[in-house]
Amino acid sequence: MKASGDGFWELALTDGSAWFSEWFHERLRWIEGVKRSTFNDLRPFFSPDSWDLLLHQLRAHLEQKIPFDAKFSVQLADGRTECWHMHGSAQLNDIGHPTHVAGSVRVVTATGTGS
């Protein structure tokens, strides 16, 4: 997975828990040994508008089956700003209800030093 240069994530819809690949820990400088266990752990790195867009895109994917494929501005711990391209898809149970959303993320631009 690391060779691809992408990050990978999974969100469990049943309890809100999440898994993030090492890519996130490296880029966001999450402290080693501190478990990141909810999707909300990403929130501090997103502007309010980007976070709202992320939630809107996830909801549209789950409720309307619109592909989850969007770009978001992210402020890294070191002050740099990056544009992340995230995409993913719902995983369904035997009766067709979504139980997880899993996907990947890639940096598509890196700009400046932040403000």
PDB file of N, CA and C in Angstrom:
ATOM      1  N   MET A   1       0.818  -1.193   0.000  1.00  0.00           N
ATOM      2  CA  MET A   1       0.000   0.000   0.000  1.00  0.00           C
ATOM      3  C   MET A   1       0.867   1.265   0.000  1.00  0.00           C
ATOM      4  N   LYS A   2       1.942   1.258   0.753  1.00  0.00           N
ATOM      5  CA  LYS A   2       2.770   2.459   0.872  1.00  0.00           C
ATOM      6  C   LYS A   2       3.379   2.850  -0.472  1.00  0.00           C
ATOM      7  N   ALA A   3       3.703   1.873  -1.292  1.00  0.00           N
ATOM      8  CA  ALA A   3       4.326   2.149  -2.587  1.00  0.00           C
ATOM      9  C   ALA A   3       3.415   2.948  -3.511  1.00  0.00           C
ATOM     10  N   SER A   4       2.113   2.891  -3.309  1.00  0.00           N
ATOM     11  CA  SER A   4       1.180   3.618  -4.167  1.00  0.00           C
ATOM     12  C   SER A   4       1.241   5.121  -3.929  1.00  0.00           C
ATOM     13  N   GLY A   5       1.698   5.536  -2.752  1.00  0.00           N
ATOM     14  CA  GLY A   5       1.710   6.951  -2.417  1.00  0.00           C
ATOM     15  C   GLY A   5       0.370   7.448  -1.917  1.00  0.00           C
ATOM     16  N   ASP A   6      -0.602   6.575  -1.825  1.00  0.00           N
ATOM     17  CA  ASP A   6      -1.945   6.942  -1.384  1.00  0.00           C
ATOM     18  C   ASP A   6      -2.147   6.580   0.081  1.00  0.00           C
ATOM     19  N   GLY A   7      -3.106   7.235   0.691  1.00  0.00           N
ATOM     20  CA  GLY A   7      -3.562   6.872   2.018  1.00  0.00           C
ATOM     21  C   GLY A   7      -4.844   6.072   1.887  1.00  0.00           C
ATOM     22  N   PHE A   8      -5.114   5.248   2.863  1.00  0.00           N
ATOM     23  CA  PHE A   8      -6.320   4.416   2.850  1.00  0.00           C
ATOM     24  C   PHE A   8      -7.057   4.576   4.166  1.00  0.00           C
ATOM     25  N   TRP A   9      -8.373   4.508   4.101  1.00  0.00           N
ATOM     26  CA  TRP A   9      -9.203   4.712   5.273  1.00  0.00           C
ATOM     27  C   TRP A   9     -10.446   3.845   5.181  1.00  0.00           C
ATOM     28  N   GLU A  10     -11.043   3.606   6.333  1.00  0.00           N
ATOM     29  CA  GLU A  10     -12.314   2.888   6.396  1.00  0.00           C
ATOM     30  C   GLU A  10     -13.113   3.442   7.564  1.00  0.00           C
ATOM     31  N   LEU A  11     -14.391   3.668   7.326  1.00  0.00           N
ATOM     32  CA  LEU A  11     -15.309   4.193   8.322  1.00  0.00           C
ATOM     33  C   LEU A  11     -16.411   3.172   8.541  1.00  0.00           C
ATOM     34  N   ALA A  12     -16.594   2.729   9.785  1.00  0.00           N
ATOM     35  CA  ALA A  12     -17.691   1.815  10.129  1.00  0.00           C
ATOM     36  C   ALA A  12     -18.918   2.653  10.462  1.00  0.00           C
ATOM     37  N   LEU A  13     -19.982   2.449   9.713  1.00  0.00           N
ATOM     38  CA  LEU A  13     -21.188   3.242   9.912  1.00  0.00           C
ATOM     39  C   LEU A  13     -21.984   2.777  11.131  1.00  0.00           C
ATOM     40  N   THR A  14     -21.765   1.556  11.568  1.00  0.00           N
ATOM     41  CA  THR A  14     -22.523   1.016  12.693  1.00  0.00           C
ATOM     42  C   THR A  14     -22.154   1.673  14.017  1.00  0.00           C
ATOM     43  N   ASP A  15     -20.870   2.007  14.206  1.00  0.00           N
ATOM     44  CA  ASP A  15     -20.456   2.596  15.481  1.00  0.00           C
ATOM     45  C   ASP A  15     -19.596   3.850  15.321  1.00  0.00           C
ATOM     46  N   GLY A  16     -19.339   4.283  14.105  1.00  0.00           N
ATOM     47  CA  GLY A  16     -18.556   5.494  13.872  1.00  0.00           C
ATOM     48  C   GLY A  16     -17.055   5.318  13.998  1.00  0.00           C
ATOM     49  N   SER A  17     -16.601   4.095  14.211  1.00  0.00           N
ATOM     50  CA  SER A  17     -15.159   3.876  14.327  1.00  0.00           C
ATOM     51  C   SER A  17     -14.498   3.988  12.955  1.00  0.00           C
ATOM     52  N   ALA A  18     -13.195   4.236  12.965  1.00  0.00           N
ATOM     53  CA  ALA A  18     -12.471   4.400  11.712  1.00  0.00           C
ATOM     54  C   ALA A  18     -11.084   3.797  11.824  1.00  0.00           C
ATOM     55  N   TRP A  19     -10.541   3.463  10.660  1.00  0.00           N
ATOM     56  CA  TRP A  19      -9.163   2.999  10.540  1.00  0.00           C
ATOM     57  C   TRP A  19      -8.477   3.883   9.506  1.00  0.00           C
ATOM     58  N   PHE A  20      -7.238   4.275   9.794  1.00  0.00           N
ATOM     59  CA  PHE A  20      -6.447   5.099   8.891  1.00  0.00           C
ATOM     60  C   PHE A  20      -5.102   4.430   8.664  1.00  0.00           C
ATOM     61  N   SER A  21      -4.642   4.402   7.425  1.00  0.00           N
ATOM     62  CA  SER A  21      -3.332   3.835   7.126  1.00  0.00           C
ATOM     63  C   SER A  21      -2.235   4.755   7.653  1.00  0.00           C
ATOM     64  N   GLU A  22      -1.018   4.265   7.631  1.00  0.00           N
ATOM     65  CA  GLU A  22       0.138   5.010   8.122  1.00  0.00           C
ATOM     66  C   GLU A  22       0.303   6.348   7.402  1.00  0.00           C
ATOM     67  N   TRP A  23      -0.146   6.447   6.161  1.00  0.00           N
ATOM     68  CA  TRP A  23      -0.073   7.682   5.374  1.00  0.00           C
ATOM     69  C   TRP A  23      -0.627   8.861   6.163  1.00  0.00           C
ATOM     70  N   PHE A  24      -1.774   8.667   6.808  1.00  0.00           N
ATOM     71  CA  PHE A  24      -2.396   9.736   7.594  1.00  0.00           C
ATOM     72  C   PHE A  24      -1.514  10.116   8.784  1.00  0.00           C
ATOM     73  N   HIS A  25      -0.970   9.119   9.461  1.00  0.00           N
ATOM     74  CA  HIS A  25      -0.131   9.378  10.632  1.00  0.00           C
ATOM     75  C   HIS A  25       1.100  10.179  10.246  1.00  0.00           C
ATOM     76  N   GLU A  26       1.685   9.860   9.099  1.00  0.00           N
ATOM     77  CA  GLU A  26       2.861  10.590   8.627  1.00  0.00           C
ATOM     78  C   GLU A  26       2.512  12.010   8.208  1.00  0.00           C
ATOM     79  N   ARG A  27       1.483  12.192   7.412  1.00  0.00           N
ATOM     80  CA  ARG A  27       1.134  13.506   6.880  1.00  0.00           C
ATOM     81  C   ARG A  27       0.608  14.436   7.971  1.00  0.00           C
ATOM     82  N   LEU A  28      -0.180  13.899   8.893  1.00  0.00           N
ATOM     83  CA  LEU A  28      -0.813  14.723   9.912  1.00  0.00           C
ATOM     84  C   LEU A  28       0.000  14.778  11.203  1.00  0.00           C
ATOM     85  N   ARG A  29       1.125  14.058  11.198  1.00  0.00           N
ATOM     86  CA  ARG A  29       2.029  14.017  12.351  1.00  0.00           C
ATOM     87  C   ARG A  29       1.298  13.615  13.630  1.00  0.00           C
ATOM     88  N   TRP A  30       0.445  12.618  13.460  1.00  0.00           N
ATOM     89  CA  TRP A  30      -0.221  12.068  14.629  1.00  0.00           C
ATOM     90  C   TRP A  30       0.824  11.382  15.499  1.00  0.00           C
ATOM     91  N   ILE A  31       0.721  11.560  16.785  1.00  0.00           N
ATOM     92  CA  ILE A  31       1.683  10.993  17.726  1.00  0.00           C
ATOM     93  C   ILE A  31       1.597   9.471  17.691  1.00  0.00           C
ATOM     94  N   GLU A  32       2.760   8.846  17.546  1.00  0.00           N
ATOM     95  CA  GLU A  32       2.810   7.388  17.492  1.00  0.00           C
ATOM     96  C   GLU A  32       2.273   6.809  18.797  1.00  0.00           C
ATOM     97  N   GLY A  33       1.490   5.774  18.679  1.00  0.00           N
ATOM     98  CA  GLY A  33       0.927   5.103  19.841  1.00  0.00           C
ATOM     99  C   GLY A  33      -0.423   5.648  20.264  1.00  0.00           C
ATOM    100  N   VAL A  34      -0.796   6.847  19.752  1.00  0.00           N
ATOM    101  CA  VAL A  34      -2.115   7.394  20.052  1.00  0.00           C
ATOM    102  C   VAL A  34      -3.062   6.908  18.967  1.00  0.00           C
ATOM    103  N   LYS A  35      -4.021   6.116  19.363  1.00  0.00           N
ATOM    104  CA  LYS A  35      -4.930   5.523  18.387  1.00  0.00           C
ATOM    105  C   LYS A  35      -5.926   6.557  17.868  1.00  0.00           C
ATOM    106  N   ARG A  36      -6.051   6.620  16.572  1.00  0.00           N
ATOM    107  CA  ARG A  36      -7.062   7.449  15.917  1.00  0.00           C
ATOM    108  C   ARG A  36      -8.197   6.508  15.569  1.00  0.00           C
ATOM    109  N   SER A  37      -9.352   6.736  16.147  1.00  0.00           N
ATOM    110  CA  SER A  37     -10.380   5.716  16.029  1.00  0.00           C
ATOM    111  C   SER A  37     -11.721   6.201  15.511  1.00  0.00           C
ATOM    112  N   THR A  38     -11.832   7.484  15.159  1.00  0.00           N
ATOM    113  CA  THR A  38     -13.072   7.962  14.558  1.00  0.00           C
ATOM    114  C   THR A  38     -12.748   8.856  13.367  1.00  0.00           C
ATOM    115  N   PHE A  39     -13.680   8.970  12.451  1.00  0.00           N
ATOM    116  CA  PHE A  39     -13.482   9.830  11.289  1.00  0.00           C
ATOM    117  C   PHE A  39     -13.306  11.280  11.731  1.00  0.00           C
ATOM    118  N   ASN A  40     -13.888  11.624  12.865  1.00  0.00           N
ATOM    119  CA  ASN A  40     -13.802  12.972  13.404  1.00  0.00           C
ATOM    120  C   ASN A  40     -12.368  13.372  13.748  1.00  0.00           C
ATOM    121  N   ASP A  41     -11.449  12.406  13.845  1.00  0.00           N
ATOM    122  CA  ASP A  41     -10.048  12.718  14.095  1.00  0.00           C
ATOM    123  C   ASP A  41      -9.448  13.554  12.964  1.00  0.00           C
ATOM    124  N   LEU A  42     -10.071  13.531  11.797  1.00  0.00           N
ATOM    125  CA  LEU A  42      -9.601  14.332  10.661  1.00  0.00           C
ATOM    126  C   LEU A  42     -10.049  15.787  10.754  1.00  0.00           C
ATOM    127  N   ARG A  43     -11.094  16.046  11.488  1.00  0.00           N
ATOM    128  CA  ARG A  43     -11.741  17.352  11.490  1.00  0.00           C
ATOM    129  C   ARG A  43     -10.802  18.532  11.767  1.00  0.00           C
ATOM    130  N   PRO A  44      -9.874  18.442  12.724  1.00  0.00           N
ATOM    131  CA  PRO A  44      -9.019  19.607  12.988  1.00  0.00           C
ATOM    132  C   PRO A  44      -8.173  20.050  11.791  1.00  0.00           C
ATOM    133  N   PHE A  45      -8.007  19.212  10.805  1.00  0.00           N
ATOM    134  CA  PHE A  45      -7.157  19.529   9.661  1.00  0.00           C
ATOM    135  C   PHE A  45      -7.941  20.117   8.485  1.00  0.00           C
ATOM    136  N   PHE A  46      -9.251  20.113   8.580  1.00  0.00           N
ATOM    137  CA  PHE A  46     -10.130  20.620   7.536  1.00  0.00           C
ATOM    138  C   PHE A  46     -10.686  21.969   7.949  1.00  0.00           C
ATOM    139  N   SER A  47     -10.811  22.881   6.990  1.00  0.00           N
ATOM    140  CA  SER A  47     -11.530  24.115   7.277  1.00  0.00           C
ATOM    141  C   SER A  47     -12.989  23.730   7.505  1.00  0.00           C
ATOM    142  N   PRO A  48     -13.769  24.580   8.183  1.00  0.00           N
ATOM    143  CA  PRO A  48     -15.187  24.247   8.364  1.00  0.00           C
ATOM    144  C   PRO A  48     -15.902  23.978   7.047  1.00  0.00           C
ATOM    145  N   ASP A  49     -15.604  24.759   6.007  1.00  0.00           N
ATOM    146  CA  ASP A  49     -16.254  24.539   4.709  1.00  0.00           C
ATOM    147  C   ASP A  49     -15.858  23.201   4.099  1.00  0.00           C
ATOM    148  N   SER A  50     -14.575  22.858   4.190  1.00  0.00           N
ATOM    149  CA  SER A  50     -14.123  21.575   3.637  1.00  0.00           C
ATOM    150  C   SER A  50     -14.724  20.407   4.414  1.00  0.00           C
ATOM    151  N   TRP A  51     -14.810  20.539   5.741  1.00  0.00           N
ATOM    152  CA  TRP A  51     -15.396  19.467   6.559  1.00  0.00           C
ATOM    153  C   TRP A  51     -16.872  19.270   6.210  1.00  0.00           C
ATOM    154  N   ASP A  52     -17.604  20.385   6.070  1.00  0.00           N
ATOM    155  CA  ASP A  52     -19.015  20.286   5.690  1.00  0.00           C
ATOM    156  C   ASP A  52     -19.165  19.635   4.321  1.00  0.00           C
ATOM    157  N   LEU A  53     -18.281  19.978   3.392  1.00  0.00           N
ATOM    158  CA  LEU A  53     -18.319  19.380   2.061  1.00  0.00           C
ATOM    159  C   LEU A  53     -18.045  17.877   2.137  1.00  0.00           C
ATOM    160  N   LEU A  54     -17.064  17.499   2.941  1.00  0.00           N
ATOM    161  CA  LEU A  54     -16.758  16.079   3.115  1.00  0.00           C
ATOM    162  C   LEU A  54     -17.980  15.320   3.623  1.00  0.00           C
ATOM    163  N   LEU A  55     -18.625  15.834   4.668  1.00  0.00           N
ATOM    164  CA  LEU A  55     -19.808  15.160   5.222  1.00  0.00           C
ATOM    165  C   LEU A  55     -20.957  15.130   4.215  1.00  0.00           C
ATOM    166  N   HIS A  56     -21.122  16.231   3.482  1.00  0.00           N
ATOM    167  CA  HIS A  56     -22.169  16.284   2.454  1.00  0.00           C
ATOM    168  C   HIS A  56     -21.922  15.238   1.364  1.00  0.00           C
ATOM    169  N   GLN A  57     -20.674  15.126   0.921  1.00  0.00           N
ATOM    170  CA  GLN A  57     -20.336  14.159  -0.126  1.00  0.00           C
ATOM    171  C   GLN A  57     -20.549  12.725   0.359  1.00  0.00           C
ATOM    172  N   LEU A  58     -20.171  12.437   1.605  1.00  0.00           N
ATOM    173  CA  LEU A  58     -20.395  11.098   2.162  1.00  0.00           C
ATOM    174  C   LEU A  58     -21.889  10.783   2.242  1.00  0.00           C
ATOM    175  N   ARG A  59     -22.654  11.746   2.736  1.00  0.00           N
ATOM    176  CA  ARG A  59     -24.102  11.537   2.851  1.00  0.00           C
ATOM    177  C   ARG A  59     -24.732  11.324   1.467  1.00  0.00           C
ATOM    178  N   ALA A  60     -24.332  12.119   0.487  1.00  0.00           N
ATOM    179  CA  ALA A  60     -24.874  11.965  -0.871  1.00  0.00           C
ATOM    180  C   ALA A  60     -24.532  10.584  -1.432  1.00  0.00           C
ATOM    181  N   HIS A  61     -23.338  10.108  -1.127  1.00  0.00           N
ATOM    182  CA  HIS A  61     -22.946   8.774  -1.587  1.00  0.00           C
ATOM    183  C   HIS A  61     -23.826   7.704  -0.947  1.00  0.00           C
ATOM    184  N   LEU A  62     -24.029   7.808   0.344  1.00  0.00           N
ATOM    185  CA  LEU A  62     -24.794   6.797   1.061  1.00  0.00           C
ATOM    186  C   LEU A  62     -26.289   6.836   0.737  1.00  0.00           C
ATOM    187  N   GLU A  63     -26.842   8.031   0.615  1.00  0.00           N
ATOM    188  CA  GLU A  63     -28.284   8.165   0.431  1.00  0.00           C
ATOM    189  C   GLU A  63     -28.722   8.175  -1.028  1.00  0.00           C
ATOM    190  N   GLN A  64     -27.877   8.718  -1.900  1.00  0.00           N
ATOM    191  CA  GLN A  64     -28.278   8.875  -3.296  1.00  0.00           C
ATOM    192  C   GLN A  64     -27.402   8.095  -4.260  1.00  0.00           C
ATOM    193  N   LYS A  65     -26.444   7.355  -3.692  1.00  0.00           N
ATOM    194  CA  LYS A  65     -25.514   6.549  -4.490  1.00  0.00           C
ATOM    195  C   LYS A  65     -24.684   7.389  -5.468  1.00  0.00           C
ATOM    196  N   ILE A  66     -24.479   8.665  -5.129  1.00  0.00           N
ATOM    197  CA  ILE A  66     -23.600   9.538  -5.899  1.00  0.00           C
ATOM    198  C   ILE A  66     -22.166   9.126  -5.566  1.00  0.00           C
ATOM    199  N   PRO A  67     -21.308   8.959  -6.562  1.00  0.00           N
ATOM    200  CA  PRO A  67     -19.931   8.546  -6.266  1.00  0.00           C
ATOM    201  C   PRO A  67     -19.263   9.493  -5.266  1.00  0.00           C
ATOM    202  N   PHE A  68     -18.546   8.917  -4.307  1.00  0.00           N
ATOM    203  CA  PHE A  68     -17.770   9.728  -3.372  1.00  0.00           C
ATOM    204  C   PHE A  68     -16.418   9.957  -4.011  1.00  0.00           C
ATOM    205  N   ASP A  69     -16.231  11.150  -4.540  1.00  0.00           N
ATOM    206  CA  ASP A  69     -15.031  11.512  -5.296  1.00  0.00           C
ATOM    207  C   ASP A  69     -14.924  13.035  -5.245  1.00  0.00           C
ATOM    208  N   ALA A  70     -14.115  13.539  -4.313  1.00  0.00           N
ATOM    209  CA  ALA A  70     -14.076  14.982  -4.107  1.00  0.00           C
ATOM    210  C   ALA A  70     -12.690  15.426  -3.664  1.00  0.00           C
ATOM    211  N   LYS A  71     -12.458  16.731  -3.787  1.00  0.00           N
ATOM    212  CA  LYS A  71     -11.189  17.336  -3.375  1.00  0.00           C
ATOM    213  C   LYS A  71     -11.450  18.286  -2.218  1.00  0.00           C
ATOM    214  N   PHE A  72     -10.521  18.259  -1.262  1.00  0.00           N
ATOM    215  CA  PHE A  72     -10.654  19.064  -0.068  1.00  0.00           C
ATOM    216  C   PHE A  72      -9.333  19.728   0.270  1.00  0.00           C
ATOM    217  N   SER A  73      -9.398  20.929   0.800  1.00  0.00           N
ATOM    218  CA  SER A  73      -8.218  21.624   1.292  1.00  0.00           C
ATOM    219  C   SER A  73      -7.977  21.183   2.729  1.00  0.00           C
ATOM    220  N   VAL A  74      -6.722  20.848   3.028  1.00  0.00           N
ATOM    221  CA  VAL A  74      -6.361  20.343   4.349  1.00  0.00           C
ATOM    222  C   VAL A  74      -5.164  21.132   4.873  1.00  0.00           C
ATOM    223  N   GLN A  75      -5.232  21.555   6.119  1.00  0.00           N
ATOM    224  CA  GLN A  75      -4.132  22.268   6.775  1.00  0.00           C
ATOM    225  C   GLN A  75      -3.349  21.260   7.611  1.00  0.00           C
ATOM    226  N   LEU A  76      -2.096  21.039   7.248  1.00  0.00           N
ATOM    227  CA  LEU A  76      -1.259  20.084   7.956  1.00  0.00           C
ATOM    228  C   LEU A  76      -0.736  20.666   9.266  1.00  0.00           C
ATOM    229  N   ALA A  77      -0.243  19.804  10.141  1.00  0.00           N
ATOM    230  CA  ALA A  77       0.253  20.236  11.445  1.00  0.00           C
ATOM    231  C   ALA A  77       1.409  21.232  11.324  1.00  0.00           C
ATOM    232  N   ASP A  78       2.187  21.147  10.234  1.00  0.00           N
ATOM    233  CA  ASP A  78       3.325  22.057  10.066  1.00  0.00           C
ATOM    234  C   ASP A  78       2.943  23.377   9.387  1.00  0.00           C
ATOM    235  N   GLY A  79       1.653  23.583   9.144  1.00  0.00           N
ATOM    236  CA  GLY A  79       1.179  24.840   8.568  1.00  0.00           C
ATOM    237  C   GLY A  79       0.980  24.814   7.064  1.00  0.00           C
ATOM    238  N   ARG A  80       1.533  23.805   6.389  1.00  0.00           N
ATOM    239  CA  ARG A  80       1.327  23.719   4.936  1.00  0.00           C
ATOM    240  C   ARG A  80      -0.117  23.346   4.637  1.00  0.00           C
ATOM    241  N   THR A  81      -0.565  23.765   3.462  1.00  0.00           N
ATOM    242  CA  THR A  81      -1.902  23.413   2.990  1.00  0.00           C
ATOM    243  C   THR A  81      -1.764  22.485   1.797  1.00  0.00           C
ATOM    244  N   GLU A  82      -2.553  21.440   1.787  1.00  0.00           N
ATOM    245  CA  GLU A  82      -2.575  20.494   0.666  1.00  0.00           C
ATOM    246  C   GLU A  82      -4.003  20.329   0.173  1.00  0.00           C
ATOM    247  N   CYS A  83      -4.115  19.945  -1.063  1.00  0.00           N
ATOM    248  CA  CYS A  83      -5.405  19.556  -1.609  1.00  0.00           C
ATOM    249  C   CYS A  83      -5.413  18.043  -1.701  1.00  0.00           C
ATOM    250  N   TRP A  84      -6.374  17.425  -1.034  1.00  0.00           N
ATOM    251  CA  TRP A  84      -6.510  15.971  -1.046  1.00  0.00           C
ATOM    252  C   TRP A  84      -7.661  15.562  -1.949  1.00  0.00           C
ATOM    253  N   HIS A  85      -7.403  14.567  -2.762  1.00  0.00           N
ATOM    254  CA  HIS A  85      -8.449  13.959  -3.588  1.00  0.00           C
ATOM    255  C   HIS A  85      -8.842  12.655  -2.905  1.00  0.00           C
ATOM    256  N   MET A  86     -10.051  12.634  -2.376  1.00  0.00           N
ATOM    257  CA  MET A  86     -10.552  11.445  -1.678  1.00  0.00           C
ATOM    258  C   MET A  86     -11.636  10.786  -2.507  1.00  0.00           C
ATOM    259  N   HIS A  87     -11.613   9.476  -2.497  1.00  0.00           N
ATOM    260  CA  HIS A  87     -12.716   8.743  -3.096  1.00  0.00           C
ATOM    261  C   HIS A  87     -12.894   7.437  -2.362  1.00  0.00           C
ATOM    262  N   GLY A  88     -14.083   6.888  -2.480  1.00  0.00           N
ATOM    263  CA  GLY A  88     -14.390   5.650  -1.780  1.00  0.00           C
ATOM    264  C   GLY A  88     -15.762   5.150  -2.165  1.00  0.00           C
ATOM    265  N   SER A  89     -16.121   4.045  -1.558  1.00  0.00           N
ATOM    266  CA  SER A  89     -17.441   3.493  -1.827  1.00  0.00           C
ATOM    267  C   SER A  89     -17.952   2.731  -0.614  1.00  0.00           C
ATOM    268  N   ALA A  90     -19.266   2.663  -0.542  1.00  0.00           N
ATOM    269  CA  ALA A  90     -19.925   1.967   0.558  1.00  0.00           C
ATOM    270  C   ALA A  90     -19.815   0.465   0.364  1.00  0.00           C
ATOM    271  N   GLN A  91     -19.683  -0.222   1.464  1.00  0.00           N
ATOM    272  CA  GLN A  91     -19.735  -1.674   1.484  1.00  0.00           C
ATOM    273  C   GLN A  91     -21.087  -2.039   2.083  1.00  0.00           C
ATOM    274  N   LEU A  92     -21.814  -2.909   1.409  1.00  0.00           N
ATOM    275  CA  LEU A  92     -23.187  -3.217   1.795  1.00  0.00           C
ATOM    276  C   LEU A  92     -23.285  -4.575   2.481  1.00  0.00           C
ATOM    277  N   ASN A  93     -24.284  -4.698   3.355  1.00  0.00           N
ATOM    278  CA  ASN A  93     -24.529  -5.998   3.976  1.00  0.00           C
ATOM    279  C   ASN A  93     -25.427  -6.843   3.066  1.00  0.00           C
ATOM    280  N   ASP A  94     -25.849  -7.997   3.544  1.00  0.00           N
ATOM    281  CA  ASP A  94     -26.632  -8.929   2.731  1.00  0.00           C
ATOM    282  C   ASP A  94     -27.980  -8.380   2.267  1.00  0.00           C
ATOM    283  N   ILE A  95     -28.502  -7.397   2.985  1.00  0.00           N
ATOM    284  CA  ILE A  95     -29.798  -6.840   2.576  1.00  0.00           C
ATOM    285  C   ILE A  95     -29.651  -5.475   1.888  1.00  0.00           C
ATOM    286  N   GLY A  96     -28.415  -5.123   1.530  1.00  0.00           N
ATOM    287  CA  GLY A  96     -28.172  -3.931   0.741  1.00  0.00           C
ATOM    288  C   GLY A  96     -28.006  -2.638   1.510  1.00  0.00           C
ATOM    289  N   HIS A  97     -27.867  -2.711   2.825  1.00  0.00           N
ATOM    290  CA  HIS A  97     -27.648  -1.501   3.612  1.00  0.00           C
ATOM    291  C   HIS A  97     -26.153  -1.257   3.796  1.00  0.00           C
ATOM    292  N   PRO A  98     -25.716   0.002   3.707  1.00  0.00           N
ATOM    293  CA  PRO A  98     -24.291   0.286   3.879  1.00  0.00           C
ATOM    294  C   PRO A  98     -23.844   0.062   5.325  1.00  0.00           C
ATOM    295  N   THR A  99     -22.714  -0.603   5.481  1.00  0.00           N
ATOM    296  CA  THR A  99     -22.155  -0.844   6.808  1.00  0.00           C
ATOM    297  C   THR A  99     -20.811  -0.138   6.991  1.00  0.00           C
ATOM    298  N   HIS A 100     -20.101   0.067   5.906  1.00  0.00           N
ATOM    299  CA  HIS A 100     -18.785   0.712   5.924  1.00  0.00           C
ATOM    300  C   HIS A 100     -18.645   1.572   4.674  1.00  0.00           C
ATOM    301  N   VAL A 101     -17.766   2.537   4.771  1.00  0.00           N
ATOM    302  CA  VAL A 101     -17.306   3.269   3.603  1.00  0.00           C
ATOM    303  C   VAL A 101     -15.787   3.180   3.657  1.00  0.00           C
ATOM    304  N   ALA A 102     -15.191   2.783   2.560  1.00  0.00           N
ATOM    305  CA  ALA A 102     -13.737   2.645   2.498  1.00  0.00           C
ATOM    306  C   ALA A 102     -13.229   3.331   1.248  1.00  0.00           C
ATOM    307  N   GLY A 103     -12.012   3.845   1.339  1.00  0.00           N
ATOM    308  CA  GLY A 103     -11.477   4.519   0.172  1.00  0.00           C
ATOM    309  C   GLY A 103     -10.019   4.880   0.325  1.00  0.00           C
ATOM    310  N   SER A 104      -9.610   5.775  -0.565  1.00  0.00           N
ATOM    311  CA  SER A 104      -8.225   6.214  -0.577  1.00  0.00           C
ATOM    312  C   SER A 104      -8.174   7.727  -0.708  1.00  0.00           C
ATOM    313  N   VAL A 105      -6.987   8.253  -0.491  1.00  0.00           N
ATOM    314  CA  VAL A 105      -6.756   9.691  -0.591  1.00  0.00           C
ATOM    315  C   VAL A 105      -5.368   9.897  -1.184  1.00  0.00           C
ATOM    316  N   ARG A 106      -5.261  10.946  -1.977  1.00  0.00           N
ATOM    317  CA  ARG A 106      -3.994  11.282  -2.629  1.00  0.00           C
ATOM    318  C   ARG A 106      -3.820  12.792  -2.597  1.00  0.00           C
ATOM    319  N   VAL A 107      -2.598  13.235  -2.402  1.00  0.00           N
ATOM    320  CA  VAL A 107      -2.304  14.664  -2.476  1.00  0.00           C
ATOM    321  C   VAL A 107      -2.259  15.050  -3.940  1.00  0.00           C
ATOM    322  N   VAL A 108      -3.039  16.071  -4.305  1.00  0.00           N
ATOM    323  CA  VAL A 108      -3.020  16.537  -5.691  1.00  0.00           C
ATOM    324  C   VAL A 108      -2.326  17.877  -5.831  1.00  0.00           C
ATOM    325  N   THR A 109      -2.185  18.623  -4.746  1.00  0.00           N
ATOM    326  CA  THR A 109      -1.376  19.839  -4.745  1.00  0.00           C
ATOM    327  C   THR A 109      -0.883  20.096  -3.335  1.00  0.00           C
ATOM    328  N   ALA A 110       0.222  20.759  -3.241  1.00  0.00           N
ATOM    329  CA  ALA A 110       0.740  21.237  -1.957  1.00  0.00           C
ATOM    330  C   ALA A 110       1.099  22.687  -2.169  1.00  0.00           C
ATOM    331  N   THR A 111       0.631  23.547  -1.281  1.00  0.00           N
ATOM    332  CA  THR A 111       0.875  24.971  -1.486  1.00  0.00           C
ATOM    333  C   THR A 111       1.326  25.642  -0.207  1.00  0.00           C
ATOM    334  N   GLY A 112       2.182  26.594  -0.353  1.00  0.00           N
ATOM    335  CA  GLY A 112       2.530  27.562   0.674  1.00  0.00           C
ATOM    336  C   GLY A 112       2.889  27.032   2.037  1.00  0.00           C
ATOM    337  N   THR A 113       2.895  27.952   2.961  1.00  0.00           N
ATOM    338  CA  THR A 113       3.271  27.631   4.328  1.00  0.00           C
ATOM    339  C   THR A 113       2.131  27.850   5.288  1.00  0.00           C
ATOM    340  N   GLY A 114       0.966  28.124   4.791  1.00  0.00           N
ATOM    341  CA  GLY A 114      -0.154  28.387   5.683  1.00  0.00           C
ATOM    342  C   GLY A 114      -0.079  29.798   6.222  1.00  0.00           C
ATOM    343  N   SER A 115      -1.076  30.145   7.022  1.00  0.00           N
ATOM    344  CA  SER A 115      -1.064  31.506   7.579  1.00  0.00           C
ATOM    345  C   SER A 115      -1.277  31.492   9.057  1.00  0.00           C
TER     346      SER A 115
END
